[in-house]
N, C-alpha and C. Protein backbone atom coordinates (compact mmCIF):
# COMPACT_ATOMS: atom_id res chain seq x y z
N MET A 1 99.62 -195.79 85.40
CA MET A 1 100.93 -195.71 84.81
C MET A 1 101.34 -194.23 84.78
N ASN A 2 102.60 -193.99 84.98
CA ASN A 2 103.13 -192.64 84.98
C ASN A 2 102.97 -192.00 83.59
N LYS A 3 102.64 -190.72 83.55
CA LYS A 3 102.41 -190.02 82.28
C LYS A 3 103.68 -190.00 81.43
N ASP A 4 104.86 -189.90 82.05
CA ASP A 4 106.11 -189.92 81.30
C ASP A 4 106.32 -191.27 80.61
N THR A 5 105.94 -192.33 81.29
CA THR A 5 106.06 -193.67 80.70
C THR A 5 105.12 -193.81 79.51
N VAL A 6 103.90 -193.32 79.65
CA VAL A 6 102.93 -193.37 78.55
C VAL A 6 103.45 -192.59 77.35
N ASN A 7 103.97 -191.39 77.60
CA ASN A 7 104.50 -190.57 76.50
C ASN A 7 105.68 -191.26 75.83
N PHE A 8 106.56 -191.90 76.62
CA PHE A 8 107.70 -192.60 76.06
C PHE A 8 107.26 -193.76 75.17
N MET A 9 106.28 -194.53 75.64
CA MET A 9 105.78 -195.66 74.86
C MET A 9 105.09 -195.17 73.58
N GLU A 10 104.34 -194.10 73.66
CA GLU A 10 103.70 -193.55 72.46
C GLU A 10 104.74 -193.07 71.46
N HIS A 11 105.81 -192.47 71.97
CA HIS A 11 106.89 -192.02 71.07
C HIS A 11 107.52 -193.21 70.35
N ILE A 12 107.77 -194.29 71.08
CA ILE A 12 108.35 -195.49 70.46
C ILE A 12 107.40 -196.06 69.41
N LEU A 13 106.11 -196.11 69.71
CA LEU A 13 105.14 -196.65 68.75
C LEU A 13 105.02 -195.76 67.51
N ARG A 14 105.01 -194.46 67.69
CA ARG A 14 104.91 -193.56 66.53
C ARG A 14 106.19 -193.60 65.69
N ASP A 15 107.31 -193.94 66.30
CA ASP A 15 108.58 -193.97 65.60
C ASP A 15 108.84 -195.33 64.94
N TYR A 16 107.99 -196.32 65.20
CA TYR A 16 108.19 -197.67 64.67
C TYR A 16 108.34 -197.73 63.16
N PRO A 17 107.53 -197.03 62.36
CA PRO A 17 107.71 -197.12 60.90
C PRO A 17 109.06 -196.59 60.40
N ASN A 18 109.73 -195.76 61.19
CA ASN A 18 111.00 -195.18 60.78
C ASN A 18 112.21 -196.00 61.19
N ILE A 19 112.03 -197.05 61.97
CA ILE A 19 113.15 -197.83 62.49
C ILE A 19 114.03 -198.40 61.37
N PRO A 20 113.50 -199.01 60.31
CA PRO A 20 114.40 -199.51 59.25
C PRO A 20 115.26 -198.41 58.63
N ARG A 21 114.71 -197.22 58.50
CA ARG A 21 115.49 -196.10 57.94
C ARG A 21 116.61 -195.68 58.89
N TYR A 22 116.32 -195.66 60.21
CA TYR A 22 117.35 -195.31 61.19
C TYR A 22 118.49 -196.32 61.17
N ILE A 23 118.13 -197.60 61.08
CA ILE A 23 119.15 -198.66 61.06
C ILE A 23 120.00 -198.56 59.81
N ALA A 24 119.37 -198.34 58.66
CA ALA A 24 120.12 -198.23 57.41
C ALA A 24 121.06 -197.02 57.44
N ARG A 25 120.59 -195.91 57.99
CA ARG A 25 121.43 -194.71 58.07
C ARG A 25 122.64 -194.95 58.98
N LYS A 26 122.42 -195.62 60.11
CA LYS A 26 123.53 -195.89 61.03
C LYS A 26 124.53 -196.85 60.40
N ARG A 27 124.05 -197.85 59.67
CA ARG A 27 124.96 -198.78 58.98
C ARG A 27 125.80 -198.03 57.95
N GLN A 28 125.21 -197.06 57.25
CA GLN A 28 125.96 -196.26 56.29
C GLN A 28 127.01 -195.41 57.00
N GLU A 29 126.66 -194.85 58.15
CA GLU A 29 127.61 -194.05 58.91
C GLU A 29 128.79 -194.88 59.38
N ILE A 30 128.52 -196.11 59.77
CA ILE A 30 129.61 -196.99 60.22
C ILE A 30 130.46 -197.44 59.04
N ALA A 31 129.81 -197.76 57.94
CA ALA A 31 130.55 -198.25 56.77
C ALA A 31 131.36 -197.14 56.10
N HIS A 32 130.85 -195.93 56.12
CA HIS A 32 131.52 -194.81 55.45
C HIS A 32 131.63 -193.64 56.42
N PRO A 33 132.54 -193.72 57.38
CA PRO A 33 132.65 -192.64 58.38
C PRO A 33 133.18 -191.35 57.76
N TYR A 34 132.76 -190.25 58.34
CA TYR A 34 133.24 -188.95 57.88
C TYR A 34 134.60 -188.69 58.51
N ILE A 35 135.56 -188.38 57.68
CA ILE A 35 136.90 -188.07 58.16
C ILE A 35 137.18 -186.62 57.77
N ALA A 36 137.32 -185.76 58.76
CA ALA A 36 137.54 -184.34 58.51
C ALA A 36 138.89 -184.13 57.84
N GLY A 37 138.91 -183.27 56.86
CA GLY A 37 140.15 -182.92 56.20
C GLY A 37 140.57 -183.86 55.09
N ARG A 38 139.80 -184.89 54.82
CA ARG A 38 140.14 -185.83 53.76
C ARG A 38 139.44 -185.42 52.47
N ASP A 39 140.20 -185.29 51.43
CA ASP A 39 139.64 -184.91 50.14
C ASP A 39 140.09 -185.94 49.12
N ASP A 40 139.16 -186.75 48.62
CA ASP A 40 139.50 -187.82 47.68
C ASP A 40 139.61 -187.33 46.25
N ASN A 41 139.22 -186.10 45.98
CA ASN A 41 139.20 -185.61 44.61
C ASN A 41 140.51 -184.95 44.18
N VAL A 42 141.42 -184.77 45.06
CA VAL A 42 142.63 -184.01 44.73
C VAL A 42 143.76 -184.96 44.39
N GLY A 43 144.26 -184.87 43.16
CA GLY A 43 145.45 -185.54 42.64
C GLY A 43 145.74 -186.95 43.11
N GLY A 44 146.53 -187.64 42.35
CA GLY A 44 147.07 -188.95 42.70
C GLY A 44 146.05 -189.97 43.14
N GLY A 45 146.53 -191.00 43.71
CA GLY A 45 145.67 -192.07 44.21
C GLY A 45 145.73 -192.09 45.72
N THR A 46 145.39 -193.21 46.27
CA THR A 46 145.46 -193.35 47.72
C THR A 46 146.84 -193.83 48.11
N ALA A 47 147.23 -193.52 49.30
CA ALA A 47 148.54 -193.94 49.78
C ALA A 47 148.55 -195.45 49.96
N SER A 48 149.73 -196.04 49.75
CA SER A 48 149.81 -197.50 49.83
C SER A 48 149.65 -198.01 51.25
N GLY A 49 149.95 -197.21 52.24
CA GLY A 49 149.86 -197.65 53.63
C GLY A 49 148.60 -197.17 54.33
N SER A 50 147.58 -196.77 53.59
CA SER A 50 146.37 -196.24 54.23
C SER A 50 145.62 -197.35 54.95
N LYS A 51 144.98 -196.98 56.03
CA LYS A 51 144.24 -197.95 56.84
C LYS A 51 142.75 -197.84 56.53
N GLU A 52 142.29 -198.66 55.64
CA GLU A 52 140.87 -198.71 55.31
C GLU A 52 140.22 -199.80 56.15
N ALA A 53 138.93 -199.64 56.41
CA ALA A 53 138.22 -200.63 57.23
C ALA A 53 138.08 -201.93 56.46
N LYS A 54 138.50 -203.00 57.08
CA LYS A 54 138.35 -204.31 56.47
C LYS A 54 136.93 -204.80 56.69
N ALA A 55 136.51 -205.72 55.87
CA ALA A 55 135.13 -206.20 55.93
C ALA A 55 134.80 -206.82 57.29
N GLU A 56 135.76 -207.56 57.86
CA GLU A 56 135.50 -208.21 59.14
C GLU A 56 135.31 -207.17 60.25
N LEU A 57 136.16 -206.16 60.27
CA LEU A 57 136.03 -205.13 61.29
C LEU A 57 134.75 -204.32 61.10
N LEU A 58 134.39 -204.10 59.86
CA LEU A 58 133.17 -203.37 59.56
C LEU A 58 131.94 -204.13 60.07
N LEU A 59 131.90 -205.44 59.82
CA LEU A 59 130.77 -206.25 60.29
C LEU A 59 130.72 -206.28 61.81
N LEU A 60 131.87 -206.34 62.45
CA LEU A 60 131.89 -206.34 63.91
C LEU A 60 131.40 -205.01 64.47
N LYS A 61 131.78 -203.92 63.83
CA LYS A 61 131.31 -202.61 64.29
C LYS A 61 129.80 -202.50 64.14
N ILE A 62 129.27 -203.00 63.03
CA ILE A 62 127.82 -202.94 62.82
C ILE A 62 127.09 -203.83 63.82
N GLU A 63 127.60 -205.03 64.05
CA GLU A 63 126.95 -205.95 64.98
C GLU A 63 127.08 -205.49 66.42
N ASP A 64 128.15 -204.80 66.77
CA ASP A 64 128.35 -204.33 68.14
C ASP A 64 127.72 -202.98 68.41
N SER A 65 127.10 -202.38 67.42
CA SER A 65 126.51 -201.05 67.59
C SER A 65 125.32 -201.14 68.54
N LYS A 66 125.39 -200.40 69.64
CA LYS A 66 124.28 -200.38 70.60
C LYS A 66 123.07 -199.67 70.00
N PHE A 67 123.31 -198.70 69.16
CA PHE A 67 122.25 -197.96 68.50
C PHE A 67 121.39 -198.90 67.66
N ILE A 68 122.05 -199.70 66.83
CA ILE A 68 121.33 -200.63 65.95
C ILE A 68 120.64 -201.72 66.76
N SER A 69 121.35 -202.27 67.75
CA SER A 69 120.76 -203.36 68.54
C SER A 69 119.55 -202.88 69.34
N GLN A 70 119.58 -201.64 69.82
CA GLN A 70 118.44 -201.11 70.56
C GLN A 70 117.22 -200.96 69.65
N PHE A 71 117.43 -200.45 68.45
CA PHE A 71 116.31 -200.32 67.52
C PHE A 71 115.78 -201.68 67.08
N LEU A 72 116.66 -202.65 66.87
CA LEU A 72 116.20 -204.00 66.53
C LEU A 72 115.39 -204.61 67.67
N PHE A 73 115.82 -204.36 68.91
CA PHE A 73 115.09 -204.85 70.07
C PHE A 73 113.71 -204.21 70.15
N GLN A 74 113.62 -202.89 69.93
CA GLN A 74 112.33 -202.21 69.95
C GLN A 74 111.40 -202.74 68.87
N LYS A 75 111.95 -202.93 67.68
CA LYS A 75 111.14 -203.43 66.57
C LYS A 75 110.60 -204.83 66.87
N ALA A 76 111.46 -205.69 67.40
CA ALA A 76 111.04 -207.06 67.73
C ALA A 76 109.99 -207.05 68.85
N ALA A 77 110.16 -206.19 69.84
CA ALA A 77 109.20 -206.12 70.94
C ALA A 77 107.83 -205.66 70.46
N ILE A 78 107.80 -204.67 69.59
CA ILE A 78 106.52 -204.17 69.06
C ILE A 78 105.85 -205.23 68.20
N GLU A 79 106.63 -205.89 67.34
CA GLU A 79 106.06 -206.94 66.50
C GLU A 79 105.54 -208.11 67.33
N ASP A 80 106.25 -208.46 68.40
CA ASP A 80 105.80 -209.54 69.29
C ASP A 80 104.51 -209.17 70.00
N ALA A 81 104.44 -207.93 70.49
CA ALA A 81 103.24 -207.48 71.19
C ALA A 81 102.03 -207.44 70.25
N LEU A 82 102.24 -206.99 69.02
CA LEU A 82 101.13 -206.96 68.06
C LEU A 82 100.70 -208.36 67.65
N ALA A 83 101.64 -209.29 67.62
CA ALA A 83 101.29 -210.66 67.26
C ALA A 83 100.49 -211.34 68.37
N ARG A 84 100.71 -210.94 69.61
CA ARG A 84 100.02 -211.56 70.74
C ARG A 84 98.62 -211.01 70.99
N CYS A 85 98.36 -209.79 70.56
CA CYS A 85 97.05 -209.20 70.85
C CYS A 85 96.03 -209.61 69.77
N GLU A 86 94.79 -209.26 70.03
CA GLU A 86 93.73 -209.60 69.10
C GLU A 86 93.93 -208.85 67.79
N PRO A 87 93.56 -209.46 66.66
CA PRO A 87 93.77 -208.81 65.36
C PRO A 87 93.06 -207.46 65.23
N ALA A 88 91.87 -207.32 65.80
CA ALA A 88 91.14 -206.05 65.71
C ALA A 88 91.89 -204.96 66.47
N PHE A 89 92.40 -205.29 67.65
CA PHE A 89 93.16 -204.31 68.42
C PHE A 89 94.45 -203.95 67.72
N ALA A 90 95.10 -204.93 67.09
CA ALA A 90 96.34 -204.66 66.35
C ALA A 90 96.07 -203.70 65.19
N GLU A 91 94.94 -203.85 64.52
CA GLU A 91 94.60 -202.94 63.43
C GLU A 91 94.36 -201.52 63.94
N VAL A 92 93.71 -201.41 65.10
CA VAL A 92 93.48 -200.08 65.68
C VAL A 92 94.81 -199.43 66.04
N VAL A 93 95.70 -200.18 66.65
CA VAL A 93 97.02 -199.65 67.03
C VAL A 93 97.80 -199.24 65.79
N LYS A 94 97.78 -200.07 64.75
CA LYS A 94 98.50 -199.73 63.52
C LYS A 94 97.95 -198.46 62.89
N GLU A 95 96.62 -198.33 62.87
CA GLU A 95 96.03 -197.14 62.26
C GLU A 95 96.31 -195.90 63.10
N TYR A 96 96.27 -196.03 64.43
CA TYR A 96 96.45 -194.86 65.29
C TYR A 96 97.91 -194.41 65.37
N TYR A 97 98.83 -195.36 65.53
CA TYR A 97 100.22 -194.99 65.76
C TYR A 97 101.08 -195.01 64.49
N PHE A 98 100.81 -195.88 63.55
CA PHE A 98 101.70 -196.05 62.41
C PHE A 98 101.27 -195.25 61.19
N ASP A 99 100.02 -194.79 61.14
CA ASP A 99 99.55 -194.01 60.01
C ASP A 99 100.02 -192.57 60.18
N HIS A 100 100.78 -192.09 59.22
CA HIS A 100 101.38 -190.77 59.32
C HIS A 100 100.34 -189.65 59.30
N TYR A 101 99.25 -189.84 58.62
CA TYR A 101 98.25 -188.78 58.45
C TYR A 101 97.02 -189.00 59.31
N ASN A 102 97.16 -189.65 60.43
CA ASN A 102 96.02 -189.93 61.30
C ASN A 102 95.65 -188.68 62.09
N HIS A 103 94.36 -188.30 62.05
CA HIS A 103 93.86 -187.17 62.82
C HIS A 103 92.73 -187.59 63.74
N LYS A 104 92.46 -188.88 63.83
CA LYS A 104 91.37 -189.38 64.66
C LYS A 104 91.90 -189.77 66.03
N SER A 105 91.00 -189.83 67.00
CA SER A 105 91.37 -190.27 68.33
C SER A 105 91.39 -191.79 68.37
N PHE A 106 92.05 -192.32 69.39
CA PHE A 106 92.12 -193.77 69.55
C PHE A 106 90.73 -194.36 69.71
N ARG A 107 89.89 -193.67 70.47
CA ARG A 107 88.52 -194.14 70.70
C ARG A 107 87.72 -194.16 69.39
N ARG A 108 87.85 -193.12 68.55
CA ARG A 108 87.12 -193.04 67.30
C ARG A 108 87.54 -194.17 66.35
N ILE A 109 88.83 -194.43 66.28
CA ILE A 109 89.31 -195.52 65.42
C ILE A 109 88.78 -196.86 65.92
N GLY A 110 88.79 -197.05 67.24
CA GLY A 110 88.27 -198.29 67.81
C GLY A 110 86.80 -198.48 67.52
N LEU A 111 86.03 -197.40 67.64
CA LEU A 111 84.60 -197.50 67.34
C LEU A 111 84.36 -197.79 65.87
N ASN A 112 85.15 -197.20 64.98
CA ASN A 112 85.01 -197.48 63.54
C ASN A 112 85.28 -198.95 63.25
N HIS A 113 86.32 -199.50 63.86
CA HIS A 113 86.63 -200.92 63.63
C HIS A 113 85.57 -201.83 64.26
N LEU A 114 85.02 -201.42 65.41
CA LEU A 114 83.97 -202.21 66.06
C LEU A 114 82.72 -202.22 65.20
N CYS A 115 82.35 -201.09 64.63
CA CYS A 115 81.17 -201.01 63.75
C CYS A 115 81.37 -201.84 62.48
N GLN A 116 82.56 -201.83 61.94
CA GLN A 116 82.84 -202.60 60.73
C GLN A 116 82.74 -204.10 61.02
N GLN A 117 83.18 -204.52 62.20
CA GLN A 117 83.13 -205.95 62.53
C GLN A 117 81.71 -206.41 62.80
N GLN A 118 80.85 -205.54 63.31
CA GLN A 118 79.49 -205.94 63.58
C GLN A 118 78.71 -206.23 62.31
N PHE A 119 79.03 -205.54 61.22
CA PHE A 119 78.31 -205.73 59.98
C PHE A 119 78.88 -206.84 59.12
N ILE A 120 80.02 -207.37 59.51
CA ILE A 120 80.63 -208.45 58.71
C ILE A 120 80.04 -209.77 59.07
């Protein structure tokens, strides 16, 4: 396999725990867009003819977001792959890629899990 492909897949796996946060942040950006020059704190109320996002349009924007759909697809693909592999291998992958403070090699984690299974 090409080294670039391996690096890309490792990046996706290491980024997996952050996917719900990315999706929530993008939903907030869609629901509350930044409008330059708008100041809600200054005098009076809102204008009667202002165009605020309606709930239906907001839901359509969130559902049509390619950013959100791509992350949901990645999350589903990783969960499906982990569900199909052996439980011991899934635990090694979770510890190696999803643990933020991991300093061990993939081989070392695999050997630790193999030793633990032999004594059980």
